[in-house]
Every structure is written in C-alpha cells, then in structure tokens.
Amino acid sequence: MTTRLLKEGSKLTKQADEGDFALPDTNTIERLNELATAKLSEIVRRSTAQERGWRGYDKLEVAAARELLSEEAAAVSGIER
C-alpha cells in the first residue's frame, strides 16, 4: 500500500476533499514503507531459517511475502517481471 501511495500520492492528494482523511507527507510514507519492508524481510528470513520463535508462520503466507518482496525489489530496480 505504501508503494502505491508513493507512486500515486500527488494524484490522491489532489482528489482529497475537505473533511477527508489527509495523507501523511511523502517522507513519512517512505519511512513507513522502509520499516514495513524491513520487518516483512525479517519475518521471511527468520521463518524460512526455522529460527526458534519464528516457526509459527504459514508457509504459503511466507512464500507470498517473499514474492511480494521480490516484486518490490524488481520495481525499485526497474526490472519488469
């Protein structure tokens, strides 16, 4: 979601009416994106390694998270998948 906000942030800001929810500034969204990506990467890495305390995640969800991270990395580097 944060990636979408970063890509379309200017469009979404222009469409906001008074009383609508105001989006945070771009720096805040970028920082949230970094934190979320780092945490998701940690979950995938540690769960895949079967580290103690990180074994309770559903394997399909971890695989989906890994794919999401891979797509995100490809988008950042400009590689089409």
C-alpha atoms as a PDB file:
ATOM      1  CA  MET A   1       0.000   0.000   0.000  1.00  0.00           C
ATOM      2  CA  THR A   2       2.767   2.456   0.805  1.00  0.00           C
ATOM      3  CA  THR A   3       4.310   1.840  -2.618  1.00  0.00           C
ATOM      4  CA  ARG A   4       1.005   2.757  -4.227  1.00  0.00           C
ATOM      5  CA  LEU A   5       0.778   5.899  -2.117  1.00  0.00           C
ATOM      6  CA  LEU A   6       4.295   6.873  -3.121  1.00  0.00           C
ATOM      7  CA  LYS A   7       3.529   6.319  -6.820  1.00  0.00           C
ATOM      8  CA  GLU A   8       0.113   7.967  -6.805  1.00  0.00           C
ATOM      9  CA  GLY A   9       0.463  10.327  -3.863  1.00  0.00           C
ATOM     10  CA  SER A  10       0.177  13.532  -5.856  1.00  0.00           C
ATOM     11  CA  LYS A  11      -2.964  12.263  -7.615  1.00  0.00           C
ATOM     12  CA  LEU A  12      -4.560  11.210  -4.337  1.00  0.00           C
ATOM     13  CA  THR A  13      -3.705  14.475  -2.616  1.00  0.00           C
ATOM     14  CA  LYS A  14      -5.362  16.481  -5.375  1.00  0.00           C
ATOM     15  CA  GLN A  15      -8.564  14.449  -5.062  1.00  0.00           C
ATOM     16  CA  ALA A  16      -8.949  14.901  -1.296  1.00  0.00           C
ATOM     17  CA  ASP A  17     -11.925  16.996  -0.228  1.00  0.00           C
ATOM     18  CA  GLU A  18     -12.224  18.959   2.957  1.00  0.00           C
ATOM     19  CA  GLY A  19     -13.055  16.588   5.768  1.00  0.00           C
ATOM     20  CA  ASP A  20     -11.418  13.652   4.020  1.00  0.00           C
ATOM     21  CA  PHE A  21      -8.522  11.855   5.624  1.00  0.00           C
ATOM     22  CA  ALA A  22      -5.286  13.725   4.926  1.00  0.00           C
ATOM     23  CA  LEU A  23      -2.384  11.595   3.773  1.00  0.00           C
ATOM     24  CA  PRO A  24       0.919  11.878   5.615  1.00  0.00           C
ATOM     25  CA  ASP A  25       3.760  13.629   3.829  1.00  0.00           C
ATOM     26  CA  THR A  26       5.934  11.669   1.411  1.00  0.00           C
ATOM     27  CA  ASN A  27       8.837  11.367   3.859  1.00  0.00           C
ATOM     28  CA  THR A  28       6.562   9.700   6.421  1.00  0.00           C
ATOM     29  CA  ILE A  29       5.178   7.292   3.817  1.00  0.00           C
ATOM     30  CA  GLU A  30       8.701   6.430   2.631  1.00  0.00           C
ATOM     31  CA  ARG A  31       9.811   5.731   6.213  1.00  0.00           C
ATOM     32  CA  LEU A  32       6.730   3.546   6.858  1.00  0.00           C
ATOM     33  CA  ASN A  33       7.488   1.658   3.652  1.00  0.00           C
ATOM     34  CA  GLU A  34      11.094   1.085   4.756  1.00  0.00           C
ATOM     35  CA  LEU A  35      10.026  -0.144   8.198  1.00  0.00           C
ATOM     36  CA  ALA A  36       7.320  -2.448   6.824  1.00  0.00           C
ATOM     37  CA  THR A  37       9.672  -3.888   4.208  1.00  0.00           C
ATOM     38  CA  ALA A  38      12.413  -4.469   6.793  1.00  0.00           C
ATOM     39  CA  LYS A  39      10.008  -6.241   9.161  1.00  0.00           C
ATOM     40  CA  LEU A  40       8.499  -8.376   6.413  1.00  0.00           C
ATOM     41  CA  SER A  41      12.007  -9.293   5.237  1.00  0.00           C
ATOM     42  CA  GLU A  42      12.952 -10.289   8.777  1.00  0.00           C
ATOM     43  CA  ILE A  43       9.863 -12.463   9.125  1.00  0.00           C
ATOM     44  CA  VAL A  44      10.543 -14.203   5.798  1.00  0.00           C
ATOM     45  CA  ARG A  45      14.257 -14.682   6.508  1.00  0.00           C
ATOM     46  CA  ARG A  46      13.902 -15.952  10.071  1.00  0.00           C
ATOM     47  CA  SER A  47      10.833 -18.092   9.390  1.00  0.00           C
ATOM     48  CA  THR A  48      12.497 -19.701   6.378  1.00  0.00           C
ATOM     49  CA  ALA A  49      15.576 -20.437   8.502  1.00  0.00           C
ATOM     50  CA  GLN A  50      13.268 -22.070  11.085  1.00  0.00           C
ATOM     51  CA  GLU A  51      14.751 -19.950  13.860  1.00  0.00           C
ATOM     52  CA  ARG A  52      13.343 -20.574  17.294  1.00  0.00           C
ATOM     53  CA  GLY A  53      10.370 -18.317  17.911  1.00  0.00           C
ATOM     54  CA  TRP A  54       9.827 -17.703  14.186  1.00  0.00           C
ATOM     55  CA  ARG A  55       8.278 -21.047  13.210  1.00  0.00           C
ATOM     56  CA  GLY A  56       4.569 -20.279  13.544  1.00  0.00           C
ATOM     57  CA  TYR A  57       4.048 -18.583  10.205  1.00  0.00           C
ATOM     58  CA  ASP A  58       2.020 -20.266   7.474  1.00  0.00           C
ATOM     59  CA  LYS A  59       4.357 -21.481   4.715  1.00  0.00           C
ATOM     60  CA  LEU A  60       2.095 -20.192   1.944  1.00  0.00           C
ATOM     61  CA  GLU A  61       1.938 -16.753   3.561  1.00  0.00           C
ATOM     62  CA  VAL A  62       5.728 -16.661   3.908  1.00  0.00           C
ATOM     63  CA  ALA A  63       6.054 -17.646   0.240  1.00  0.00           C
ATOM     64  CA  ALA A  64       3.589 -14.905  -0.738  1.00  0.00           C
ATOM     65  CA  ALA A  65       5.536 -12.373   1.352  1.00  0.00           C
ATOM     66  CA  ARG A  66       8.785 -13.477  -0.321  1.00  0.00           C
ATOM     67  CA  GLU A  67       7.178 -12.983  -3.746  1.00  0.00           C
ATOM     68  CA  LEU A  68       5.874  -9.546  -2.727  1.00  0.00           C
ATOM     69  CA  LEU A  69       9.354  -8.524  -1.572  1.00  0.00           C
ATOM     70  CA  SER A  70      10.824  -9.833  -4.823  1.00  0.00           C
ATOM     71  CA  GLU A  71       8.317  -7.835  -6.884  1.00  0.00           C
ATOM     72  CA  GLU A  72       9.005  -4.744  -4.780  1.00  0.00           C
ATOM     73  CA  ALA A  73      12.758  -5.112  -5.306  1.00  0.00           C
ATOM     74  CA  ALA A  74      12.261  -5.563  -9.045  1.00  0.00           C
ATOM     75  CA  ALA A  75      10.051  -2.463  -9.211  1.00  0.00           C
ATOM     76  CA  VAL A  76      12.602  -0.405  -7.321  1.00  0.00           C
ATOM     77  CA  SER A  77      15.428  -1.526  -9.586  1.00  0.00           C
ATOM     78  CA  GLY A  78      13.295  -1.008 -12.722  1.00  0.00           C
ATOM     79  CA  ILE A  79      13.229  -4.667 -13.722  1.00  0.00           C
ATOM     80  CA  GLU A  80       9.978  -5.890 -15.241  1.00  0.00           C
ATOM     81  CA  ARG A  81       8.803  -9.311 -14.107  1.00  0.00           C
END
